[in-house]
Protein backbone atom coordinates (compact mmCIF):
# COMPACT_ATOMS: atom_id res chain seq x y z
CA MET A 1 -3.48 0.93 -10.42
CA THR A 2 0.09 0.75 -9.18
CA LYS A 3 2.04 -2.09 -10.71
CA ILE A 4 3.24 -4.60 -8.12
CA LYS A 5 6.70 -6.05 -8.48
CA LYS A 6 7.41 -9.52 -7.08
CA ILE A 7 10.78 -10.20 -5.48
CA ARG A 8 11.56 -13.74 -4.35
CA LEU A 9 13.75 -14.50 -1.37
CA PRO A 10 15.17 -17.84 -0.16
CA TYR A 11 12.76 -20.16 1.62
CA LYS A 12 9.70 -18.87 -0.19
CA ALA A 13 9.60 -15.55 1.60
CA LYS A 14 7.83 -13.40 -0.98
CA ILE A 15 7.91 -9.60 -0.90
CA LEU A 16 5.24 -7.51 -2.63
CA TYR A 17 6.70 -4.09 -3.25
CA SER A 18 4.81 -1.07 -4.56
CA SER A 19 7.35 1.61 -5.53
CA LYS A 20 4.70 4.24 -6.07
CA LEU A 21 3.05 3.96 -2.68
CA PHE A 22 6.14 3.01 -0.70
CA ARG A 23 4.54 -0.09 0.72
CA ILE A 24 6.04 -3.46 1.52
CA GLN A 25 4.06 -6.54 2.38
CA ILE A 26 5.49 -9.93 3.19
CA VAL A 27 3.91 -13.32 2.84
CA ILE A 28 5.79 -16.19 4.44
CA THR A 29 4.98 -19.78 3.56
CA LYS A 30 6.07 -22.84 5.48
CA ASN A 31 9.34 -24.33 4.44
CA LYS A 32 11.08 -26.81 6.71
CA ALA A 33 14.36 -26.40 4.82
CA ILE A 34 15.20 -23.29 6.83
CA TRP A 35 15.55 -25.33 10.00
CA LYS A 36 18.16 -27.56 8.35
CA GLU A 37 20.56 -24.63 7.94
CA GLY A 38 23.10 -23.51 10.51
CA CYS A 39 22.05 -21.42 13.47
CA VAL A 40 23.72 -18.21 12.18
CA LYS A 41 21.99 -18.38 8.82
CA LYS A 42 18.70 -19.15 10.53
CA ILE A 43 18.97 -16.08 12.76
CA LEU A 44 20.00 -13.86 9.85
CA TYR A 45 17.06 -14.96 7.71
CA LEU A 46 14.56 -14.60 10.54
CA THR A 47 15.94 -11.17 11.44
CA LEU A 48 15.60 -10.07 7.82
CA LEU A 49 12.02 -11.30 7.63
CA ILE A 50 11.05 -9.61 10.90
CA PHE A 51 12.64 -6.34 9.79
CA LEU A 52 10.91 -6.36 6.41
CA SER A 53 7.56 -7.38 7.86
CA HIS A 54 7.45 -4.25 10.05
CA ASN A 55 5.08 -2.49 7.62
CA LEU A 56 2.71 -5.43 7.71
CA PHE A 57 1.95 -4.87 11.40
CA ALA A 58 2.28 -1.08 11.68
CA LYS A 59 -0.73 1.18 12.13
CA GLN A 60 -1.59 3.30 9.13
CA LEU A 61 -2.72 6.91 8.75
CA PHE A 62 -4.18 8.26 5.49
CA LEU A 63 -4.51 12.02 4.90
CA VAL A 64 -6.65 13.93 2.37
CA ARG A 65 -6.50 17.67 1.57
CA GLY A 66 -9.37 19.82 0.36
CA LEU A 67 -10.66 21.73 -2.66
CA SER A 68 -8.17 21.98 -5.56
CA ARG A 69 -5.34 20.80 -3.31
CA GLN A 70 -3.18 17.70 -3.74
CA SER A 71 -0.94 15.58 -1.53
CA GLY A 72 2.01 17.88 -2.24
CA HIS A 73 0.20 20.77 -0.53
CA TRP A 74 0.85 19.21 2.87
CA GLY A 75 4.46 20.33 2.38
CA GLU A 76 7.66 18.40 2.96
CA ASP A 77 8.24 20.01 6.37
CA PHE A 78 4.85 18.80 7.64
CA LYS A 79 5.40 15.32 6.24
CA GLU A 80 8.81 14.98 7.88
CA LYS A 81 7.55 16.22 11.26
CA LEU A 82 4.50 13.96 11.18
CA GLN A 83 6.61 10.91 10.35
CA GLU A 84 9.02 11.79 13.17
CA SER A 85 6.03 12.01 15.53
CA LEU A 86 4.70 8.64 14.32
CA PRO A 87 7.91 6.71 13.56
CA ASP A 88 6.27 3.28 13.69
CA TRP A 89 3.33 4.22 11.47
CA ASN A 90 2.81 3.97 7.73
CA ILE A 91 1.59 7.36 6.47
CA PHE A 92 -0.07 7.86 3.08
CA TYR A 93 -1.05 11.14 1.44
CA LEU A 94 -4.02 10.72 -0.89
CA ASP A 95 -5.08 12.76 -3.91
CA LEU A 96 -8.57 13.71 -4.97
CA PRO A 97 -9.51 12.87 -8.60
CA GLY A 98 -8.14 15.54 -10.90
CA THR A 99 -5.15 16.31 -8.66
CA GLY A 100 -1.67 14.93 -7.98
CA ARG A 101 -1.29 11.26 -8.91
CA LEU A 102 -4.91 11.28 -10.09
CA SER A 103 -4.55 14.42 -12.24
CA HIS A 104 -5.17 12.32 -15.35
CA ILE A 105 -8.67 11.45 -14.08
CA LYS A 106 -11.56 13.84 -14.66
CA SER A 107 -12.97 14.98 -11.34
CA PRO A 108 -16.53 13.73 -10.75
CA VAL A 109 -19.24 16.22 -9.79
CA ARG A 110 -20.59 13.84 -7.15
CA VAL A 111 -18.59 12.98 -4.06
CA LYS A 112 -19.83 9.39 -4.09
CA ASN A 113 -17.97 8.85 -7.37
CA PHE A 114 -14.65 9.99 -5.87
CA ILE A 115 -14.43 6.92 -3.66
CA PRO A 116 -13.97 4.04 -6.15
CA LEU A 117 -11.23 6.02 -7.91
CA MET A 118 -9.34 6.84 -4.70
CA ARG A 119 -9.86 3.43 -3.12
CA LYS A 120 -8.53 1.66 -6.19
CA GLU A 121 -5.32 3.69 -5.92
CA ILE A 122 -4.60 2.47 -2.37
CA SER A 123 -6.35 -0.91 -2.31
CA SER A 124 -3.06 -2.77 -1.80
CA ASN A 125 -2.32 -0.63 1.28
CA LEU A 126 -5.61 -0.98 3.12
CA LYS A 127 -5.49 -3.54 5.92
CA MET A 128 -8.65 -5.29 6.92
CA ASP A 129 -7.54 -5.81 10.52
CA GLU A 130 -8.78 -2.40 11.73
CA ASP A 131 -5.35 -0.73 11.71
CA ASN A 132 -6.39 2.00 9.29
CA TYR A 133 -7.12 5.59 10.34
CA ILE A 134 -7.91 8.60 8.13
CA LEU A 135 -7.75 12.39 8.41
CA GLY A 136 -9.50 14.73 5.99
CA THR A 137 -9.56 18.51 5.86
CA SER A 138 -12.42 20.60 4.39
CA LEU A 139 -13.58 18.88 1.15
CA GLY A 140 -11.21 16.05 2.07
CA GLY A 141 -13.26 15.52 5.23
CA ILE A 142 -16.47 15.36 3.19
CA VAL A 143 -14.86 12.73 0.96
CA VAL A 144 -13.76 10.78 4.05
CA TRP A 145 -17.33 10.75 5.36
CA GLU A 146 -18.66 9.38 2.08
CA TRP A 147 -15.84 6.81 2.05
CA ILE A 148 -16.80 5.35 5.43
CA SER A 149 -20.45 5.40 4.33
CA GLN A 150 -19.59 3.16 1.38
CA PHE A 151 -16.86 1.08 3.04
CA PRO A 152 -17.27 1.26 6.84
CA GLN A 153 -14.79 -1.58 7.30
CA ASP A 154 -11.90 0.41 5.80
CA PHE A 155 -11.17 2.74 8.73
CA LYS A 156 -11.37 2.38 12.47
CA GLN A 157 -11.25 6.07 13.39
CA VAL A 158 -11.83 9.33 11.52
CA LEU A 159 -10.34 12.79 12.10
CA LEU A 160 -12.22 15.67 10.46
CA VAL A 161 -10.45 19.04 10.12
CA ASN A 162 -12.55 22.17 9.36
CA THR A 163 -15.19 20.12 7.56
CA PRO A 164 -18.59 21.84 7.02
CA PHE A 165 -21.48 19.61 5.91
CA ARG A 166 -24.63 20.60 4.08
CA GLY A 167 -27.58 20.01 6.38
CA VAL A 168 -25.48 20.40 9.52
CA CYS A 169 -25.41 24.18 9.17
CA LYS A 170 -26.89 26.87 6.91
CA PHE A 171 -25.35 27.75 3.55
CA LYS A 172 -24.43 31.22 4.80
CA GLU A 173 -22.50 29.49 7.62
CA ARG A 174 -20.74 26.98 5.35
CA ILE A 175 -19.46 29.84 3.16
CA LYS A 176 -19.61 33.26 4.79
CA PRO A 177 -21.16 35.88 2.43
CA LYS A 178 -18.03 38.08 2.38
CA MET A 179 -15.92 35.16 1.11
CA ARG A 180 -18.18 34.18 -1.80
CA ILE A 181 -16.89 36.98 -4.05
CA LYS A 182 -13.30 35.86 -3.46
CA LEU A 183 -14.20 32.28 -4.36
CA ILE A 184 -15.91 33.42 -7.56
CA LYS A 185 -12.87 35.57 -8.44
CA THR A 186 -10.61 32.56 -7.94
CA GLY A 187 -12.69 30.51 -10.37
CA LEU A 188 -12.55 33.26 -13.00
CA VAL A 189 -8.77 33.70 -12.97
CA SER A 190 -7.11 32.66 -16.24
CA LYS A 191 -5.08 29.43 -16.10
CA LYS A 192 -2.10 31.47 -17.28
CA LYS A 193 -2.20 33.57 -14.11
CA ILE A 194 -1.23 30.78 -11.73
CA LYS A 195 0.32 33.05 -9.10
CA LYS A 196 -2.79 35.26 -8.90
CA ARG A 197 -5.08 32.27 -8.39
CA GLU A 198 -2.86 30.69 -5.73
CA SER A 199 -2.54 34.05 -3.99
CA LEU A 200 -6.34 34.38 -3.82
CA LEU A 201 -6.63 30.84 -2.43
CA TYR A 202 -4.07 31.73 0.23
CA ASP A 203 -6.09 34.81 1.28
CA ILE A 204 -9.26 32.73 1.56
CA ASN A 205 -7.66 30.00 3.67
CA SER A 206 -5.03 31.73 5.80
CA ASN A 207 -5.19 34.16 8.70
CA VAL A 208 -1.43 34.80 8.50
CA LYS A 209 -0.95 38.09 6.68
CA ASN A 210 2.84 38.08 6.94
CA SER A 211 3.98 38.96 3.43
CA LYS A 212 7.13 36.80 3.59
CA GLN A 213 5.19 33.69 4.63
CA LYS A 214 2.56 34.32 1.96
CA GLU A 215 5.24 34.76 -0.69
CA ARG A 216 6.97 31.51 0.35
CA VAL A 217 3.77 29.44 0.48
CA VAL A 218 2.39 30.82 -2.79
CA LYS A 219 5.72 30.14 -4.51
CA ASP A 220 5.58 26.50 -3.35
CA TRP A 221 2.01 26.21 -4.63
CA VAL A 222 2.91 27.74 -7.99
CA ASP A 223 5.79 25.26 -8.34
CA LEU A 224 3.37 22.40 -7.56
CA GLN A 225 0.86 23.76 -10.07
CA LYS A 226 3.53 23.80 -12.77
CA LYS A 227 4.55 20.19 -12.05
CA GLN A 228 1.05 18.77 -11.64
CA PRO A 229 -1.50 21.31 -12.89
CA ILE A 230 -4.95 21.42 -11.32
CA SER A 231 -7.31 22.71 -13.99
CA LYS A 232 -10.03 25.32 -13.57
CA SER A 233 -12.48 22.59 -14.59
CA THR A 234 -11.30 20.38 -11.70
CA MET A 235 -11.72 23.23 -9.24
CA ILE A 236 -15.27 23.96 -10.46
CA ARG A 237 -16.30 20.29 -10.49
CA GLN A 238 -14.89 19.73 -6.98
CA THR A 239 -16.69 22.85 -5.75
CA LEU A 240 -20.01 21.54 -7.13
CA ALA A 241 -19.37 18.14 -5.58
CA GLY A 242 -18.73 19.64 -2.15
CA LEU A 243 -21.63 22.11 -2.23
CA THR A 244 -24.24 19.58 -3.38
CA TYR A 245 -23.17 16.70 -1.16
CA ARG A 246 -25.60 15.91 1.64
CA ALA A 247 -24.22 13.51 4.23
CA SER A 248 -26.50 10.97 5.85
CA PHE A 249 -26.37 11.12 9.65
CA ALA A 250 -29.51 9.04 10.18
CA SER A 251 -27.52 6.04 11.33
CA VAL A 252 -24.02 7.06 12.39
CA ASN A 253 -21.66 4.08 12.45
CA LYS A 254 -20.96 3.53 16.16
CA ASN A 255 -18.07 1.19 15.40
CA ILE A 256 -16.07 4.16 14.13
CA LYS A 257 -14.75 6.80 16.50
CA TYR A 258 -14.76 10.43 15.35
CA TYR A 259 -12.60 13.43 16.26
CA ILE A 260 -13.06 17.01 15.10
CA PHE A 261 -10.33 19.65 14.78
CA ALA A 262 -11.52 23.17 13.98
CA SER A 263 -10.43 26.80 13.69
CA GLU A 264 -12.25 29.21 15.97
CA GLN A 265 -11.21 32.15 13.76
CA ASP A 266 -12.10 30.50 10.43
CA GLN A 267 -12.88 33.32 7.96
CA LEU A 268 -14.48 31.02 5.36
CA THR A 269 -16.81 28.89 7.51
CA ASP A 270 -18.74 29.81 10.64
CA LYS A 271 -17.57 27.85 13.67
CA ALA A 272 -21.21 26.88 14.34
CA CYS A 273 -20.79 24.25 11.58
CA TYR A 274 -18.10 22.47 13.56
CA GLN A 275 -19.92 22.75 16.89
CA ASN A 276 -23.10 21.34 15.32
CA LEU A 277 -21.15 18.45 13.80
CA SER A 278 -19.54 17.67 17.14
CA ASN A 279 -22.93 17.63 18.84
CA LEU A 280 -24.43 15.46 16.12
CA LEU A 281 -21.64 12.86 16.21
CA LYS A 282 -21.08 13.19 19.96
CA ALA A 283 -17.43 13.57 18.99
CA PRO A 284 -14.70 15.44 20.88
CA LEU A 285 -14.03 18.87 19.37
CA PHE A 286 -10.60 20.51 19.58
CA TRP A 287 -10.38 24.24 18.84
CA ASN A 288 -7.43 26.10 17.39
CA ASP A 289 -7.85 29.68 18.61
CA TRP A 290 -6.19 31.67 15.82
CA ALA A 291 -5.65 29.80 12.51
CA GLY A 292 -7.78 30.16 9.38
CA HIS A 293 -9.73 27.58 7.40
CA GLY A 294 -6.45 26.24 6.05
CA LEU A 295 -5.19 24.79 9.33
CA PRO A 296 -2.36 22.88 7.60
CA ILE A 297 -1.17 26.23 6.20
CA ASP A 298 -1.35 28.37 9.34
CA ASP A 299 -0.62 25.96 12.17
CA PRO A 300 0.64 22.56 10.93
CA ASP A 301 2.47 22.00 14.23
CA TRP A 302 -0.86 22.22 16.09
CA ILE A 303 -2.31 19.48 13.87
CA ILE A 304 0.71 17.28 14.54
CA GLU A 305 0.42 17.97 18.27
CA LYS A 306 -3.25 16.92 18.28
CA VAL A 307 -2.57 13.86 16.13
CA LEU A 308 0.16 12.84 18.55
CA ALA A 309 -2.21 13.21 21.53
CA TRP A 310 -4.81 11.20 19.61
CA LYS A 311 -2.21 8.49 18.91
CA ASP A 312 -1.31 8.29 22.60
CA GLU A 313 -5.00 7.75 23.41
CA ILE A 314 -5.11 4.87 20.92
CA VAL A 315 -2.06 3.28 22.51
CA ALA A 316 -3.48 3.76 26.00
CA ASN A 317 -6.71 2.05 25.00
């Protein structure tokens, strides 16, 4: 759990600052002394408090990547563009157990056990006034579904990106037969051959065969792997968790609104999985007509464009 530092300001304005999660919360208690000061000081103090309390009232978007990926795999370019598109929002990039900030935690083999570990990491950032929204891609989307099953009050709306669920479509549709060999090969690659493993993962997830782009992306992934290694064990345990998870759609929470983003040319998963999910949830489905399963890899600008349109709908409503 992130350690919270307490900083005290004049007139009992207390700031709770979490350096790890870049979050500021302000709690203001009554103190009549402020009104005894001069007008200039009063304005300065109130301006400071209003400025610092911005994060307290901003809407918040949480994002989760998929199998054997961590928050760093979103890429700095994507993060900067998304923040520019949502300047008044707090944006948090979450890690699955066994990756990124949670790399010290052994990945569970059941999705339901991911949630307490991830929720504990961001508990100080979750608002209970329905200002929280979450986006998950692939396995990240499966984790998001389980999260709202356990804690439906945590998020108001959910965005699922290329997320195939067991029971919604057939196994051969969730993982196309021709891709299974590549996945098995990836799992068998020695931990010393980082570049080979990341290259195989790129081929599975991306439809962009441009050698320069592949070289650049794989290099970034290898650098991430060296800084915060994701073990073969984590990859296998996450794979088992995703494959064995069966979501319950018997009583879909109608207080949560769902959106689905999907790749029409997904080489890993049949698009029928996404169409079936949309029909089941009665959720709007937005198709990308060329990208692969790794939408954040191939067309991150499209995701940002759709998130921006989604945000405008929230504001309009």
